[in-house]
Amino acid sequence: MNTKPDCGVSLQIDDYLDLLHFAIQIQDQEWQQSLIHQLKVFQPAGEQQHQRSSPEEELWTRLDYINSKLTGLCNQLHAAHSKDEREKFEARIGLLQVQRVEVARKIKWASRRT
């Protein structure tokens, strides 16, 4: 029995669920919908297409998305008019920075395995 593909899919699903939880925390509706869509397209290991991007490529895509969200939030932070708005954006930025560090750590770990 080969459980490696199932394990990989399970880890990917876990990662997407973690990201979904995070998207809910920062109240990013667009990201939530995107993650829900991605979770819906996961197929059992035997039915997966062999053309899917590698886990490392997916991590880089995730890092790019996080960086994009950070850029947008930084722009919103600079345009904020009240202290409450600034604090809200700073909190979201802090959460995304933690997520970015985690993804970067996973990329580093994945690159060592190859």
PDB file of N, CA and C in Angstrom:
ATOM      1  N   MET A   1       0.843  -1.179   0.000  1.00  0.00           N
ATOM      2  CA  MET A   1       0.000   0.000   0.000  1.00  0.00           C
ATOM      3  C   MET A   1       0.887   1.240   0.000  1.00  0.00           C
ATOM      4  N   ASN A   2       0.625   2.146  -0.901  1.00  0.00           N
ATOM      5  CA  ASN A   2       1.394   3.387  -0.998  1.00  0.00           C
ATOM      6  C   ASN A   2       0.582   4.516  -0.379  1.00  0.00           C
ATOM      7  N   THR A   3       0.981   4.971   0.793  1.00  0.00           N
ATOM      8  CA  THR A   3       0.226   6.021   1.481  1.00  0.00           C
ATOM      9  C   THR A   3       0.826   7.388   1.289  1.00  0.00           C
ATOM     10  N   LYS A   4       1.954   7.477   0.638  1.00  0.00           N
ATOM     11  CA  LYS A   4       2.620   8.759   0.461  1.00  0.00           C
ATOM     12  C   LYS A   4       1.740   9.792  -0.249  1.00  0.00           C
ATOM     13  N   PRO A   5       1.080   9.467  -1.409  1.00  0.00           N
ATOM     14  CA  PRO A   5       0.228  10.469  -2.050  1.00  0.00           C
ATOM     15  C   PRO A   5      -0.903  10.926  -1.147  1.00  0.00           C
ATOM     16  N   ASP A   6      -1.530   9.975  -0.431  1.00  0.00           N
ATOM     17  CA  ASP A   6      -2.617  10.357   0.466  1.00  0.00           C
ATOM     18  C   ASP A   6      -2.113  11.296   1.547  1.00  0.00           C
ATOM     19  N   CYS A   7      -0.933  11.036   2.061  1.00  0.00           N
ATOM     20  CA  CYS A   7      -0.344  11.881   3.094  1.00  0.00           C
ATOM     21  C   CYS A   7      -0.101  13.287   2.557  1.00  0.00           C
ATOM     22  N   GLY A   8       0.416  13.375   1.327  1.00  0.00           N
ATOM     23  CA  GLY A   8       0.676  14.676   0.716  1.00  0.00           C
ATOM     24  C   GLY A   8      -0.597  15.472   0.529  1.00  0.00           C
ATOM     25  N   VAL A   9      -1.649  14.821   0.049  1.00  0.00           N
ATOM     26  CA  VAL A   9      -2.924  15.499  -0.139  1.00  0.00           C
ATOM     27  C   VAL A   9      -3.479  15.926   1.212  1.00  0.00           C
ATOM     28  N   SER A  10      -3.358  15.050   2.190  1.00  0.00           N
ATOM     29  CA  SER A  10      -3.840  15.382   3.529  1.00  0.00           C
ATOM     30  C   SER A  10      -3.127  16.607   4.089  1.00  0.00           C
ATOM     31  N   LEU A  11      -1.811  16.675   3.886  1.00  0.00           N
ATOM     32  CA  LEU A  11      -1.060  17.834   4.356  1.00  0.00           C
ATOM     33  C   LEU A  11      -1.464  19.089   3.606  1.00  0.00           C
ATOM     34  N   GLN A  12      -1.718  18.981   2.302  1.00  0.00           N
ATOM     35  CA  GLN A  12      -2.162  20.134   1.531  1.00  0.00           C
ATOM     36  C   GLN A  12      -3.519  20.615   2.029  1.00  0.00           C
ATOM     37  N   ILE A  13      -4.415  19.685   2.271  1.00  0.00           N
ATOM     38  CA  ILE A  13      -5.737  20.057   2.776  1.00  0.00           C
ATOM     39  C   ILE A  13      -5.597  20.726   4.137  1.00  0.00           C
ATOM     40  N   ASP A  14      -4.748  20.177   5.004  1.00  0.00           N
ATOM     41  CA  ASP A  14      -4.509  20.792   6.312  1.00  0.00           C
ATOM     42  C   ASP A  14      -3.989  22.210   6.163  1.00  0.00           C
ATOM     43  N   ASP A  15      -3.063  22.408   5.221  1.00  0.00           N
ATOM     44  CA  ASP A  15      -2.527  23.755   4.980  1.00  0.00           C
ATOM     45  C   ASP A  15      -3.626  24.706   4.523  1.00  0.00           C
ATOM     46  N   TYR A  16      -4.474  24.240   3.595  1.00  0.00           N
ATOM     47  CA  TYR A  16      -5.558  25.088   3.113  1.00  0.00           C
ATOM     48  C   TYR A  16      -6.553  25.396   4.234  1.00  0.00           C
ATOM     49  N   LEU A  17      -6.806  24.427   5.093  1.00  0.00           N
ATOM     50  CA  LEU A  17      -7.708  24.684   6.221  1.00  0.00           C
ATOM     51  C   LEU A  17      -7.095  25.692   7.190  1.00  0.00           C
ATOM     52  N   ASP A  18      -5.786  25.597   7.415  1.00  0.00           N
ATOM     53  CA  ASP A  18      -5.110  26.595   8.251  1.00  0.00           C
ATOM     54  C   ASP A  18      -5.237  27.979   7.634  1.00  0.00           C
ATOM     55  N   LEU A  19      -5.013  28.052   6.330  1.00  0.00           N
ATOM     56  CA  LEU A  19      -5.134  29.341   5.644  1.00  0.00           C
ATOM     57  C   LEU A  19      -6.563  29.864   5.697  1.00  0.00           C
ATOM     58  N   LEU A  20      -7.539  28.973   5.553  1.00  0.00           N
ATOM     59  CA  LEU A  20      -8.939  29.385   5.634  1.00  0.00           C
ATOM     60  C   LEU A  20      -9.243  29.950   7.017  1.00  0.00           C
ATOM     61  N   HIS A  21      -8.761  29.288   8.042  1.00  0.00           N
ATOM     62  CA  HIS A  21      -8.949  29.790   9.409  1.00  0.00           C
ATOM     63  C   HIS A  21      -8.344  31.186   9.550  1.00  0.00           C
ATOM     64  N   PHE A  22      -7.167  31.367   8.985  1.00  0.00           N
ATOM     65  CA  PHE A  22      -6.495  32.654   9.032  1.00  0.00           C
ATOM     66  C   PHE A  22      -7.282  33.706   8.251  1.00  0.00           C
ATOM     67  N   ALA A  23      -7.777  33.344   7.062  1.00  0.00           N
ATOM     68  CA  ALA A  23      -8.562  34.278   6.246  1.00  0.00           C
ATOM     69  C   ALA A  23      -9.823  34.719   6.986  1.00  0.00           C
ATOM     70  N   ILE A  24     -10.411  33.797   7.737  1.00  0.00           N
ATOM     71  CA  ILE A  24     -11.588  34.139   8.539  1.00  0.00           C
ATOM     72  C   ILE A  24     -11.198  35.112   9.649  1.00  0.00           C
ATOM     73  N   GLN A  25     -10.051  34.871  10.285  1.00  0.00           N
ATOM     74  CA  GLN A  25      -9.587  35.760  11.352  1.00  0.00           C
ATOM     75  C   GLN A  25      -9.382  37.187  10.858  1.00  0.00           C
ATOM     76  N   ILE A  26      -8.840  37.337   9.655  1.00  0.00           N
ATOM     77  CA  ILE A  26      -8.573  38.689   9.161  1.00  0.00           C
ATOM     78  C   ILE A  26      -9.735  39.223   8.329  1.00  0.00           C
ATOM     79  N   GLN A  27     -10.821  38.456   8.271  1.00  0.00           N
ATOM     80  CA  GLN A  27     -12.056  38.845   7.603  1.00  0.00           C
ATOM     81  C   GLN A  27     -11.839  39.168   6.125  1.00  0.00           C
ATOM     82  N   ASP A  28     -11.055  38.343   5.449  1.00  0.00           N
ATOM     83  CA  ASP A  28     -10.788  38.518   4.021  1.00  0.00           C
ATOM     84  C   ASP A  28     -11.721  37.591   3.246  1.00  0.00           C
ATOM     85  N   GLN A  29     -12.874  38.136   2.845  1.00  0.00           N
ATOM     86  CA  GLN A  29     -13.895  37.328   2.173  1.00  0.00           C
ATOM     87  C   GLN A  29     -13.412  36.747   0.846  1.00  0.00           C
ATOM     88  N   GLU A  30     -12.687  37.540   0.075  1.00  0.00           N
ATOM     89  CA  GLU A  30     -12.200  37.077  -1.224  1.00  0.00           C
ATOM     90  C   GLU A  30     -11.272  35.883  -1.059  1.00  0.00           C
ATOM     91  N   TRP A  31     -10.356  35.978  -0.121  1.00  0.00           N
ATOM     92  CA  TRP A  31      -9.414  34.894   0.121  1.00  0.00           C
ATOM     93  C   TRP A  31     -10.149  33.654   0.631  1.00  0.00           C
ATOM     94  N   GLN A  32     -11.139  33.857   1.507  1.00  0.00           N
ATOM     95  CA  GLN A  32     -11.918  32.738   2.024  1.00  0.00           C
ATOM     96  C   GLN A  32     -12.575  31.972   0.879  1.00  0.00           C
ATOM     97  N   GLN A  33     -13.210  32.700  -0.035  1.00  0.00           N
ATOM     98  CA  GLN A  33     -13.886  32.048  -1.155  1.00  0.00           C
ATOM     99  C   GLN A  33     -12.893  31.301  -2.044  1.00  0.00           C
ATOM    100  N   SER A  34     -11.721  31.897  -2.258  1.00  0.00           N
ATOM    101  CA  SER A  34     -10.693  31.250  -3.064  1.00  0.00           C
ATOM    102  C   SER A  34     -10.229  29.947  -2.415  1.00  0.00           C
ATOM    103  N   LEU A  35     -10.010  29.986  -1.110  1.00  0.00           N
ATOM    104  CA  LEU A  35      -9.565  28.789  -0.393  1.00  0.00           C
ATOM    105  C   LEU A  35     -10.641  27.710  -0.378  1.00  0.00           C
ATOM    106  N   ILE A  36     -11.880  28.116  -0.192  1.00  0.00           N
ATOM    107  CA  ILE A  36     -12.995  27.150  -0.209  1.00  0.00           C
ATOM    108  C   ILE A  36     -13.065  26.484  -1.575  1.00  0.00           C
ATOM    109  N   HIS A  37     -12.893  27.285  -2.634  1.00  0.00           N
ATOM    110  CA  HIS A  37     -12.887  26.720  -3.990  1.00  0.00           C
ATOM    111  C   HIS A  37     -11.761  25.704  -4.135  1.00  0.00           C
ATOM    112  N   GLN A  38     -10.569  26.039  -3.653  1.00  0.00           N
ATOM    113  CA  GLN A  38      -9.434  25.119  -3.752  1.00  0.00           C
ATOM    114  C   GLN A  38      -9.701  23.830  -2.980  1.00  0.00           C
ATOM    115  N   LEU A  39     -10.327  23.948  -1.821  1.00  0.00           N
ATOM    116  CA  LEU A  39     -10.630  22.745  -1.044  1.00  0.00           C
ATOM    117  C   LEU A  39     -11.642  21.853  -1.768  1.00  0.00           C
ATOM    118  N   LYS A  40     -12.559  22.465  -2.503  1.00  0.00           N
ATOM    119  CA  LYS A  40     -13.558  21.689  -3.231  1.00  0.00           C
ATOM    120  C   LYS A  40     -12.962  20.908  -4.391  1.00  0.00           C
ATOM    121  N   VAL A  41     -11.851  21.386  -4.946  1.00  0.00           N
ATOM    122  CA  VAL A  41     -11.286  20.711  -6.118  1.00  0.00           C
ATOM    123  C   VAL A  41     -10.313  19.591  -5.764  1.00  0.00           C
ATOM    124  N   PHE A  42     -10.005  19.413  -4.485  1.00  0.00           N
ATOM    125  CA  PHE A  42      -9.131  18.296  -4.109  1.00  0.00           C
ATOM    126  C   PHE A  42      -9.827  16.996  -4.460  1.00  0.00           C
ATOM    127  N   GLN A  43      -9.081  16.095  -5.070  1.00  0.00           N
ATOM    128  CA  GLN A  43      -9.602  14.801  -5.476  1.00  0.00           C
ATOM    129  C   GLN A  43      -8.850  13.717  -4.726  1.00  0.00           C
ATOM    130  N   PRO A  44      -9.439  12.529  -4.609  1.00  0.00           N
ATOM    131  CA  PRO A  44      -8.689  11.413  -4.014  1.00  0.00           C
ATOM    132  C   PRO A  44      -7.387  11.198  -4.772  1.00  0.00           C
ATOM    133  N   ALA A  45      -6.387  10.686  -4.103  1.00  0.00           N
ATOM    134  CA  ALA A  45      -5.045  10.556  -4.673  1.00  0.00           C
ATOM    135  C   ALA A  45      -5.047   9.802  -5.996  1.00  0.00           C
ATOM    136  N   GLY A  46      -5.849   8.776  -6.134  1.00  0.00           N
ATOM    137  CA  GLY A  46      -5.874   8.000  -7.359  1.00  0.00           C
ATOM    138  C   GLY A  46      -6.430   8.770  -8.551  1.00  0.00           C
ATOM    139  N   GLU A  47      -7.191   9.812  -8.304  1.00  0.00           N
ATOM    140  CA  GLU A  47      -7.809  10.582  -9.370  1.00  0.00           C
ATOM    141  C   GLU A  47      -7.072  11.875  -9.669  1.00  0.00           C
ATOM    142  N   GLN A  48      -6.048  12.184  -8.918  1.00  0.00           N
ATOM    143  CA  GLN A  48      -5.340  13.442  -9.116  1.00  0.00           C
ATOM    144  C   GLN A  48      -4.649  13.460 -10.458  1.00  0.00           C
ATOM    145  N   GLN A  49      -4.600  14.650 -11.026  1.00  0.00           N
ATOM    146  CA  GLN A  49      -3.871  14.809 -12.279  1.00  0.00           C
ATOM    147  C   GLN A  49      -2.391  14.849 -11.966  1.00  0.00           C
ATOM    148  N   HIS A  50      -1.596  14.241 -12.831  1.00  0.00           N
ATOM    149  CA  HIS A  50      -0.158  14.228 -12.620  1.00  0.00           C
ATOM    150  C   HIS A  50       0.480  15.549 -13.003  1.00  0.00           C
ATOM    151  N   GLN A  51      -0.289  16.456 -13.563  1.00  0.00           N
ATOM    152  CA  GLN A  51       0.245  17.716 -14.030  1.00  0.00           C
ATOM    153  C   GLN A  51       0.172  18.807 -12.967  1.00  0.00           C
ATOM    154  N   ARG A  52      -0.293  18.513 -11.802  1.00  0.00           N
ATOM    155  CA  ARG A  52      -0.388  19.524 -10.743  1.00  0.00           C
ATOM    156  C   ARG A  52       0.984  20.050 -10.381  1.00  0.00           C
ATOM    157  N   SER A  53       0.987  21.273  -9.930  1.00  0.00           N
ATOM    158  CA  SER A  53       2.259  21.858  -9.535  1.00  0.00           C
ATOM    159  C   SER A  53       2.774  21.176  -8.271  1.00  0.00           C
ATOM    160  N   SER A  54       4.058  21.265  -8.078  1.00  0.00           N
ATOM    161  CA  SER A  54       4.682  20.629  -6.927  1.00  0.00           C
ATOM    162  C   SER A  54       4.292  21.372  -5.651  1.00  0.00           C
ATOM    163  N   PRO A  55       4.412  20.703  -4.503  1.00  0.00           N
ATOM    164  CA  PRO A  55       4.118  21.381  -3.234  1.00  0.00           C
ATOM    165  C   PRO A  55       4.972  22.630  -3.047  1.00  0.00           C
ATOM    166  N   GLU A  56       6.217  22.572  -3.514  1.00  0.00           N
ATOM    167  CA  GLU A  56       7.079  23.748  -3.368  1.00  0.00           C
ATOM    168  C   GLU A  56       6.569  24.906  -4.230  1.00  0.00           C
ATOM    169  N   GLU A  57       6.106  24.607  -5.436  1.00  0.00           N
ATOM    170  CA  GLU A  57       5.538  25.654  -6.289  1.00  0.00           C
ATOM    171  C   GLU A  57       4.294  26.252  -5.658  1.00  0.00           C
ATOM    172  N   GLU A  58       3.476  25.401  -5.035  1.00  0.00           N
ATOM    173  CA  GLU A  58       2.278  25.891  -4.359  1.00  0.00           C
ATOM    174  C   GLU A  58       2.647  26.804  -3.189  1.00  0.00           C
ATOM    175  N   LEU A  59       3.712  26.459  -2.482  1.00  0.00           N
ATOM    176  CA  LEU A  59       4.171  27.317  -1.388  1.00  0.00           C
ATOM    177  C   LEU A  59       4.625  28.672  -1.912  1.00  0.00           C
ATOM    178  N   TRP A  60       5.338  28.684  -3.037  1.00  0.00           N
ATOM    179  CA  TRP A  60       5.767  29.952  -3.629  1.00  0.00           C
ATOM    180  C   TRP A  60       4.562  30.774  -4.065  1.00  0.00           C
ATOM    181  N   THR A  61       3.551  30.118  -4.612  1.00  0.00           N
ATOM    182  CA  THR A  61       2.328  30.820  -5.011  1.00  0.00           C
ATOM    183  C   THR A  61       1.646  31.422  -3.787  1.00  0.00           C
ATOM    184  N   ARG A  62       1.601  30.648  -2.713  1.00  0.00           N
ATOM    185  CA  ARG A  62       1.003  31.128  -1.469  1.00  0.00           C
ATOM    186  C   ARG A  62       1.784  32.319  -0.917  1.00  0.00           C
ATOM    187  N   LEU A  63       3.120  32.246  -0.982  1.00  0.00           N
ATOM    188  CA  LEU A  63       3.958  33.345  -0.506  1.00  0.00           C
ATOM    189  C   LEU A  63       3.713  34.603  -1.341  1.00  0.00           C
ATOM    190  N   ASP A  64       3.601  34.430  -2.641  1.00  0.00           N
ATOM    191  CA  ASP A  64       3.305  35.574  -3.511  1.00  0.00           C
ATOM    192  C   ASP A  64       1.968  36.206  -3.143  1.00  0.00           C
ATOM    193  N   TYR A  65       0.975  35.359  -2.879  1.00  0.00           N
ATOM    194  CA  TYR A  65      -0.351  35.874  -2.509  1.00  0.00           C
ATOM    195  C   TYR A  65      -0.281  36.641  -1.184  1.00  0.00           C
ATOM    196  N   ILE A  66       0.402  36.087  -0.212  1.00  0.00           N
ATOM    197  CA  ILE A  66       0.541  36.756   1.086  1.00  0.00           C
ATOM    198  C   ILE A  66       1.243  38.096   0.913  1.00  0.00           C
ATOM    199  N   ASN A  67       2.315  38.114   0.125  1.00  0.00           N
ATOM    200  CA  ASN A  67       3.026  39.370  -0.110  1.00  0.00           C
ATOM    201  C   ASN A  67       2.126  40.398  -0.790  1.00  0.00           C
ATOM    202  N   SER A  68       1.306  39.944  -1.713  1.00  0.00           N
ATOM    203  CA  SER A  68       0.364  40.836  -2.385  1.00  0.00           C
ATOM    204  C   SER A  68      -0.638  41.420  -1.392  1.00  0.00           C
ATOM    205  N   LYS A  69      -1.163  40.558  -0.530  1.00  0.00           N
ATOM    206  CA  LYS A  69      -2.108  41.034   0.489  1.00  0.00           C
ATOM    207  C   LYS A  69      -1.429  42.024   1.440  1.00  0.00           C
ATOM    208  N   LEU A  70      -0.180  41.743   1.804  1.00  0.00           N
ATOM    209  CA  LEU A  70       0.566  42.653   2.682  1.00  0.00           C
ATOM    210  C   LEU A  70       0.754  44.020   2.032  1.00  0.00           C
ATOM    211  N   THR A  71       1.081  44.021   0.757  1.00  0.00           N
ATOM    212  CA  THR A  71       1.254  45.289   0.037  1.00  0.00           C
ATOM    213  C   THR A  71      -0.039  46.092   0.067  1.00  0.00           C
ATOM    214  N   GLY A  72      -1.142  45.429  -0.210  1.00  0.00           N
ATOM    215  CA  GLY A  72      -2.441  46.107  -0.184  1.00  0.00           C
ATOM    216  C   GLY A  72      -2.770  46.646   1.192  1.00  0.00           C
ATOM    217  N   LEU A  73      -2.519  45.839   2.221  1.00  0.00           N
ATOM    218  CA  LEU A  73      -2.807  46.288   3.587  1.00  0.00           C
ATOM    219  C   LEU A  73      -1.906  47.447   4.001  1.00  0.00           C
ATOM    220  N   CYS A  74      -0.647  47.427   3.573  1.00  0.00           N
ATOM    221  CA  CYS A  74       0.259  48.542   3.889  1.00  0.00           C
ATOM    222  C   CYS A  74      -0.239  49.830   3.238  1.00  0.00           C
ATOM    223  N   ASN A  75      -0.724  49.722   2.003  1.00  0.00           N
ATOM    224  CA  ASN A  75      -1.289  50.898   1.334  1.00  0.00           C
ATOM    225  C   ASN A  75      -2.520  51.401   2.074  1.00  0.00           C
ATOM    226  N   GLN A  76      -3.364  50.489   2.531  1.00  0.00           N
ATOM    227  CA  GLN A  76      -4.550  50.870   3.285  1.00  0.00           C
ATOM    228  C   GLN A  76      -4.162  51.484   4.630  1.00  0.00           C
ATOM    229  N   LEU A  77      -3.113  50.957   5.239  1.00  0.00           N
ATOM    230  CA  LEU A  77      -2.631  51.492   6.512  1.00  0.00           C
ATOM    231  C   LEU A  77      -2.206  52.954   6.350  1.00  0.00           C
ATOM    232  N   HIS A  78      -1.467  53.225   5.288  1.00  0.00           N
ATOM    233  CA  HIS A  78      -1.003  54.592   5.059  1.00  0.00           C
ATOM    234  C   HIS A  78      -2.152  55.546   4.752  1.00  0.00           C
ATOM    235  N   ALA A  79      -3.239  55.015   4.196  1.00  0.00           N
ATOM    236  CA  ALA A  79      -4.389  55.854   3.859  1.00  0.00           C
ATOM    237  C   ALA A  79      -5.417  55.925   4.986  1.00  0.00           C
ATOM    238  N   ALA A  80      -5.190  55.190   6.066  1.00  0.00           N
ATOM    239  CA  ALA A  80      -6.156  55.148   7.175  1.00  0.00           C
ATOM    240  C   ALA A  80      -6.298  56.525   7.806  1.00  0.00           C
ATOM    241  N   HIS A  81      -7.529  56.839   8.183  1.00  0.00           N
ATOM    242  CA  HIS A  81      -7.818  58.163   8.734  1.00  0.00           C
ATOM    243  C   HIS A  81      -7.921  58.179  10.255  1.00  0.00           C
ATOM    244  N   SER A  82      -8.178  57.035  10.838  1.00  0.00           N
ATOM    245  CA  SER A  82      -8.346  57.012  12.293  1.00  0.00           C
ATOM    246  C   SER A  82      -7.386  56.012  12.930  1.00  0.00           C
ATOM    247  N   LYS A  83      -7.230  56.181  14.216  1.00  0.00           N
ATOM    248  CA  LYS A  83      -6.360  55.281  14.970  1.00  0.00           C
ATOM    249  C   LYS A  83      -6.928  53.853  14.948  1.00  0.00           C
ATOM    250  N   ASP A  84      -8.249  53.733  15.049  1.00  0.00           N
ATOM    251  CA  ASP A  84      -8.884  52.413  15.013  1.00  0.00           C
ATOM    252  C   ASP A  84      -8.631  51.697  13.684  1.00  0.00           C
ATOM    253  N   GLU A  85      -8.729  52.450  12.580  1.00  0.00           N
ATOM    254  CA  GLU A  85      -8.445  51.862  11.273  1.00  0.00           C
ATOM    255  C   GLU A  85      -7.003  51.383  11.199  1.00  0.00           C
ATOM    256  N   ARG A  86      -6.087  52.231  11.654  1.00  0.00           N
ATOM    257  CA  ARG A  86      -4.666  51.867  11.618  1.00  0.00           C
ATOM    258  C   ARG A  86      -4.406  50.614  12.449  1.00  0.00           C
ATOM    259  N   GLU A  87      -5.001  50.536  13.629  1.00  0.00           N
ATOM    260  CA  GLU A  87      -4.806  49.370  14.488  1.00  0.00           C
ATOM    261  C   GLU A  87      -5.355  48.104  13.836  1.00  0.00           C
ATOM    262  N   LYS A  88      -6.495  48.235  13.154  1.00  0.00           N
ATOM    263  CA  LYS A  88      -7.086  47.088  12.464  1.00  0.00           C
ATOM    264  C   LYS A  88      -6.140  46.592  11.369  1.00  0.00           C
ATOM    265  N   PHE A  89      -5.607  47.514  10.576  1.00  0.00           N
ATOM    266  CA  PHE A  89      -4.690  47.121   9.507  1.00  0.00           C
ATOM    267  C   PHE A  89      -3.385  46.573  10.080  1.00  0.00           C
ATOM    268  N   GLU A  90      -2.896  47.154  11.145  1.00  0.00           N
ATOM    269  CA  GLU A  90      -1.662  46.667  11.771  1.00  0.00           C
ATOM    270  C   GLU A  90      -1.845  45.242  12.285  1.00  0.00           C
ATOM    271  N   ALA A  91      -3.017  44.943  12.836  1.00  0.00           N
ATOM    272  CA  ALA A  91      -3.287  43.586  13.326  1.00  0.00           C
ATOM    273  C   ALA A  91      -3.300  42.592  12.169  1.00  0.00           C
ATOM    274  N   ARG A  92      -3.958  42.967  11.080  1.00  0.00           N
ATOM    275  CA  ARG A  92      -3.997  42.081   9.908  1.00  0.00           C
ATOM    276  C   ARG A  92      -2.597  41.879   9.332  1.00  0.00           C
ATOM    277  N   ILE A  93      -1.834  42.953   9.283  1.00  0.00           N
ATOM    278  CA  ILE A  93      -0.460  42.861   8.770  1.00  0.00           C
ATOM    279  C   ILE A  93       0.366  41.929   9.644  1.00  0.00           C
ATOM    280  N   GLY A  94       0.208  42.058  10.950  1.00  0.00           N
ATOM    281  CA  GLY A  94       0.940  41.185  11.869  1.00  0.00           C
ATOM    282  C   GLY A  94       0.609  39.725  11.651  1.00  0.00           C
ATOM    283  N   LEU A  95      -0.657  39.411  11.469  1.00  0.00           N
ATOM    284  CA  LEU A  95      -1.064  38.025  11.225  1.00  0.00           C
ATOM    285  C   LEU A  95      -0.489  37.503   9.906  1.00  0.00           C
ATOM    286  N   LEU A  96      -0.531  38.346   8.877  1.00  0.00           N
ATOM    287  CA  LEU A  96       0.018  37.923   7.589  1.00  0.00           C
ATOM    288  C   LEU A  96       1.531  37.749   7.654  1.00  0.00           C
ATOM    289  N   GLN A  97       2.200  38.572   8.434  1.00  0.00           N
ATOM    290  CA  GLN A  97       3.645  38.427   8.574  1.00  0.00           C
ATOM    291  C   GLN A  97       3.997  37.097   9.228  1.00  0.00           C
ATOM    292  N   VAL A  98       3.219  36.701  10.211  1.00  0.00           N
ATOM    293  CA  VAL A  98       3.429  35.397  10.849  1.00  0.00           C
ATOM    294  C   VAL A  98       3.197  34.283   9.832  1.00  0.00           C
ATOM    295  N   GLN A  99       2.144  34.418   9.044  1.00  0.00           N
ATOM    296  CA  GLN A  99       1.852  33.415   8.024  1.00  0.00           C
ATOM    297  C   GLN A  99       2.975  33.363   6.988  1.00  0.00           C
ATOM    298  N   ARG A 100       3.500  34.515   6.618  1.00  0.00           N
ATOM    299  CA  ARG A 100       4.586  34.570   5.629  1.00  0.00           C
ATOM    300  C   ARG A 100       5.831  33.857   6.154  1.00  0.00           C
ATOM    301  N   VAL A 101       6.149  34.063   7.425  1.00  0.00           N
ATOM    302  CA  VAL A 101       7.305  33.383   8.018  1.00  0.00           C
ATOM    303  C   VAL A 101       7.094  31.878   7.997  1.00  0.00           C
ATOM    304  N   GLU A 102       5.896  31.427   8.294  1.00  0.00           N
ATOM    305  CA  GLU A 102       5.600  29.993   8.301  1.00  0.00           C
ATOM    306  C   GLU A 102       5.746  29.402   6.898  1.00  0.00           C
ATOM    307  N   VAL A 103       5.229  30.091   5.889  1.00  0.00           N
ATOM    308  CA  VAL A 103       5.341  29.591   4.514  1.00  0.00           C
ATOM    309  C   VAL A 103       6.797  29.590   4.078  1.00  0.00           C
ATOM    310  N   ALA A 104       7.538  30.630   4.419  1.00  0.00           N
ATOM    311  CA  ALA A 104       8.960  30.687   4.064  1.00  0.00           C
ATOM    312  C   ALA A 104       9.725  29.537   4.721  1.00  0.00           C
ATOM    313  N   ARG A 105       9.365  29.207   5.956  1.00  0.00           N
ATOM    314  CA  ARG A 105       9.995  28.076   6.639  1.00  0.00           C
ATOM    315  C   ARG A 105       9.706  26.772   5.906  1.00  0.00           C
ATOM    316  N   LYS A 106       8.461  26.613   5.439  1.00  0.00           N
ATOM    317  CA  LYS A 106       8.093  25.404   4.704  1.00  0.00           C
ATOM    318  C   LYS A 106       8.837  25.335   3.374  1.00  0.00           C
ATOM    319  N   ILE A 107       9.013  26.471   2.714  1.00  0.00           N
ATOM    320  CA  ILE A 107       9.762  26.497   1.459  1.00  0.00           C
ATOM    321  C   ILE A 107      11.206  26.075   1.713  1.00  0.00           C
ATOM    322  N   LYS A 108      11.787  26.619   2.765  1.00  0.00           N
ATOM    323  CA  LYS A 108      13.171  26.272   3.099  1.00  0.00           C
ATOM    324  C   LYS A 108      13.282  24.783   3.398  1.00  0.00           C
ATOM    325  N   TRP A 109      12.347  24.243   4.147  1.00  0.00           N
ATOM    326  CA  TRP A 109      12.348  22.821   4.481  1.00  0.00           C
ATOM    327  C   TRP A 109      12.189  21.973   3.222  1.00  0.00           C
ATOM    328  N   ALA A 110      11.267  22.390   2.327  1.00  0.00           N
ATOM    329  CA  ALA A 110      11.037  21.638   1.097  1.00  0.00           C
ATOM    330  C   ALA A 110      12.265  21.656   0.194  1.00  0.00           C
ATOM    331  N   SER A 111      12.965  22.788   0.148  1.00  0.00           N
ATOM    332  CA  SER A 111      14.137  22.881  -0.728  1.00  0.00           C
ATOM    333  C   SER A 111      15.289  22.026  -0.208  1.00  0.00           C
ATOM    334  N   ARG A 112      15.321  21.779   1.080  1.00  0.00           N
ATOM    335  CA  ARG A 112      16.360  20.917   1.656  1.00  0.00           C
ATOM    336  C   ARG A 112      16.113  19.457   1.337  1.00  0.00           C
ATOM    337  N   ARG A 113      14.873  19.101   1.139  1.00  0.00           N
ATOM    338  CA  ARG A 113      14.496  17.710   0.862  1.00  0.00           C
ATOM    339  C   ARG A 113      14.853  17.295  -0.547  1.00  0.00           C
ATOM    340  N   THR A 114      14.985  18.250  -1.446  1.00  0.00           N
ATOM    341  CA  THR A 114      15.265  17.895  -2.842  1.00  0.00           C
ATOM    342  C   THR A 114      16.719  17.846  -3.152  1.00  0.00           C
TER     343      THR A 114
END
